[in-house]
Structure formats: structure tokens, C-alpha cells
Amino acid sequence: MGYEAVYLEALEVRPERLEDVRRILKLREENHRLSREAFADLLKRELPHLAEAFTPEGVGAFLNAPGAYLDGDDYLHLGSVYNGGTEEEALLLSHFLPEGEVIVVSQEYEPLSGYLVLGEGKVAPLRAALLDDEGRAVWIG
């Protein structure tokens, strides 16, 4: 049994990675029936300059997101991802997003969470929090 993770916000894509994201989305459309392992291998062959980023666990961010697209402002929309929202996916996405971008995820039966992009291949996990009027956390999910 699996779960659905929802990427709640569009993600800013670095301009120098836009063509890479477009290529990944086109390959996903053409090869949506591949396993994660096979899709990771395909991406390694098609985008060898990013080969280290493509792990079977990470490529699920694209492969298992049937509604993934780039909007007119070049923001990536992933929406619902089957068995998604993992740190491996965030690590993959960090190769395409600017430092400081926040990946906001909500998963069934879990509070809101996400990841802060620290750089290519580097993220920090985030958890939901309720803040008081002075910005102090009064609850962390």
C-alpha cells in the first residue's frame, strides 16, 4: 500500500536547469510505465552531467507525479506524488532549485513538512510549527 504526498507550492527552477527539467518531463511523459530504477538509469544516460542526482528513490518526484508541469513563469508544479515527499526526492530537486527554496510537502496521516534547499545535493528537513504573535514556536509537528 502506498500514500500520496502533495507538493503544495510551485518550485522555482534555476534558469540554467530549465532545459534539464523540460527534458525530464518529456522523458517522463514518454516513459511513464518504467520502474523507478529504469527511469533513473534512463535519466543518467540522457542527462549525464546530472547522473549523480538520479537515484531510484529520488526520481519518483517526477515519475510518480502524473500532473507535473512547468508553468509560464518556469515554476515546477509536482502536485500529488504517489509515495512521494521523501528526502531522496528533495535531494534530487535540490539540483534544479535555487539555494533557499522551500519544498513544502503534506502527506496523508502526517503533519505538514518539507525541506530547505541548501545547495545542490544538500537539504535540511523542516517541520510544521504554530507560532505565537512574537514568532516563537508553540507547537512543532
Protein backbone atom coordinates (compact mmCIF):
# COMPACT_ATOMS: atom_id res chain seq x y z
CA MET A 1 0.00 0.00 0.00
CA GLY A 2 1.19 3.46 -0.76
CA TYR A 3 0.32 7.00 0.16
CA GLU A 4 0.03 10.30 -1.65
CA ALA A 5 2.30 13.20 -0.87
CA VAL A 6 1.31 16.63 -2.10
CA TYR A 7 3.88 19.22 -3.10
CA LEU A 8 1.87 22.25 -2.08
CA GLU A 9 3.71 25.02 -3.88
CA ALA A 10 5.23 25.57 -7.27
CA LEU A 11 9.02 25.34 -7.12
CA GLU A 12 11.32 27.93 -8.65
CA VAL A 13 13.68 26.33 -11.17
CA ARG A 14 17.12 27.83 -11.70
CA PRO A 15 17.33 29.27 -15.25
CA GLU A 16 20.36 27.16 -16.14
CA ARG A 17 18.38 24.00 -15.27
CA LEU A 18 15.16 24.77 -17.16
CA GLU A 19 16.09 22.74 -20.23
CA ASP A 20 17.07 19.81 -17.99
CA VAL A 21 13.66 19.90 -16.27
CA ARG A 22 11.88 20.15 -19.61
CA ARG A 23 13.83 17.10 -20.82
CA ILE A 24 12.96 15.14 -17.65
CA LEU A 25 9.26 15.96 -18.02
CA LYS A 26 9.29 14.92 -21.69
CA LEU A 27 11.06 11.66 -20.85
CA ARG A 28 8.57 11.01 -18.04
CA GLU A 29 5.68 11.53 -20.44
CA GLU A 30 7.20 9.12 -22.95
CA ASN A 31 8.32 6.52 -20.37
CA HIS A 32 5.77 6.77 -17.53
CA ARG A 33 5.48 2.98 -17.26
CA LEU A 34 9.14 2.45 -16.36
CA SER A 35 10.16 1.39 -12.88
CA ARG A 36 11.98 3.97 -10.75
CA GLU A 37 15.23 2.08 -11.30
CA ALA A 38 14.81 2.03 -15.08
CA PHE A 39 13.79 5.70 -15.15
CA ALA A 40 16.83 6.68 -13.06
CA ASP A 41 19.06 4.78 -15.49
CA LEU A 42 17.40 6.50 -18.46
CA LEU A 43 17.94 9.93 -16.90
CA LYS A 44 21.58 9.13 -16.19
CA ARG A 45 22.07 8.31 -19.88
CA GLU A 46 20.10 11.30 -21.18
CA LEU A 47 21.50 13.87 -18.72
CA PRO A 48 24.97 12.57 -17.84
CA HIS A 49 26.04 15.91 -16.34
CA LEU A 50 23.49 15.25 -13.54
CA ALA A 51 23.97 11.48 -13.27
CA GLU A 52 24.83 11.57 -9.55
CA ALA A 53 21.47 13.24 -8.81
CA PHE A 54 19.33 10.45 -10.25
CA THR A 55 18.60 7.77 -7.67
CA PRO A 56 15.66 5.38 -7.94
CA GLU A 57 14.15 6.87 -4.78
CA GLY A 58 14.62 10.45 -5.96
CA VAL A 59 13.24 10.16 -9.49
CA GLY A 60 9.82 9.33 -8.05
CA ALA A 61 9.33 13.10 -7.67
CA PHE A 62 8.94 13.20 -11.46
CA LEU A 63 7.94 9.67 -12.40
CA ASN A 64 5.09 9.34 -9.88
CA ALA A 65 3.71 12.87 -10.40
CA PRO A 66 1.18 12.48 -13.21
CA GLY A 67 0.35 16.18 -13.29
CA ALA A 68 3.92 17.55 -13.24
CA TYR A 69 4.50 20.59 -15.45
CA LEU A 70 6.39 23.86 -15.82
CA ASP A 71 4.13 26.91 -15.80
CA GLY A 72 4.55 30.08 -17.88
CA ASP A 73 6.85 31.58 -15.24
CA ASP A 74 9.07 28.46 -15.29
CA TYR A 75 7.95 27.20 -11.90
CA LEU A 76 7.74 23.43 -11.46
CA HIS A 77 4.40 22.05 -10.28
CA LEU A 78 4.54 18.47 -9.00
CA GLY A 79 1.19 18.21 -7.21
CA SER A 80 0.33 14.75 -5.89
CA VAL A 81 3.11 12.18 -5.97
CA TYR A 82 2.49 8.52 -5.21
CA ASN A 83 4.80 7.52 -2.32
CA GLY A 84 6.45 10.93 -2.59
CA GLY A 85 7.71 13.68 -0.36
CA THR A 86 10.88 11.86 0.65
CA GLU A 87 14.28 13.31 1.44
CA GLU A 88 15.67 11.48 -1.60
CA GLU A 89 13.24 13.42 -3.80
CA ALA A 90 14.23 16.68 -2.13
CA LEU A 91 17.90 15.88 -2.74
CA LEU A 92 17.18 15.30 -6.43
CA LEU A 93 15.14 18.51 -6.67
CA SER A 94 17.95 20.47 -5.00
CA HIS A 95 19.95 20.09 -8.21
CA PHE A 96 17.34 22.17 -10.03
CA LEU A 97 16.17 24.69 -7.42
CA PRO A 98 17.92 27.78 -6.08
CA GLU A 99 19.51 27.78 -2.65
CA GLY A 100 16.95 28.92 -0.07
CA GLU A 101 13.92 27.47 -1.88
CA VAL A 102 11.49 25.68 0.42
CA ILE A 103 9.87 22.44 -0.73
CA VAL A 104 6.53 22.22 1.10
CA VAL A 105 5.02 18.74 1.41
CA SER A 106 1.88 17.36 3.03
CA GLN A 107 1.43 13.62 3.43
CA GLU A 108 -1.56 11.58 4.45
CA TYR A 109 -1.57 10.99 8.23
CA GLU A 110 1.42 13.29 8.74
CA PRO A 111 1.63 16.98 9.53
CA LEU A 112 2.96 19.42 7.00
CA SER A 113 6.70 19.11 6.41
CA GLY A 114 9.28 20.00 3.84
CA TYR A 115 12.88 20.72 3.02
CA LEU A 116 15.05 23.80 2.72
CA VAL A 117 17.43 23.70 -0.24
CA LEU A 118 20.96 24.40 0.99
CA GLY A 119 22.65 23.77 -2.37
CA GLU A 120 22.98 21.06 -4.98
CA GLY A 121 22.61 17.73 -3.23
CA LYS A 122 22.01 19.39 0.17
CA VAL A 123 18.72 19.91 2.00
CA ALA A 124 17.60 20.43 5.58
CA PRO A 125 14.33 18.87 6.80
CA LEU A 126 11.61 21.22 8.00
CA ARG A 127 8.59 20.52 10.19
CA ALA A 128 5.37 22.43 10.57
CA ALA A 129 5.03 24.77 13.52
CA LEU A 130 2.45 27.05 15.05
CA LEU A 131 3.87 30.42 16.02
CA ASP A 132 2.69 32.94 18.58
CA ASP A 133 2.37 36.65 17.79
CA GLU A 134 6.06 37.14 18.53
CA GLY A 135 7.21 34.40 16.16
CA ARG A 136 8.02 31.80 18.83
CA ALA A 137 7.10 28.18 18.09
CA VAL A 138 4.34 26.94 20.37
CA TRP A 139 3.90 23.61 18.57
CA ILE A 140 6.08 21.69 16.14
CA GLY A 141 4.57 18.83 14.12
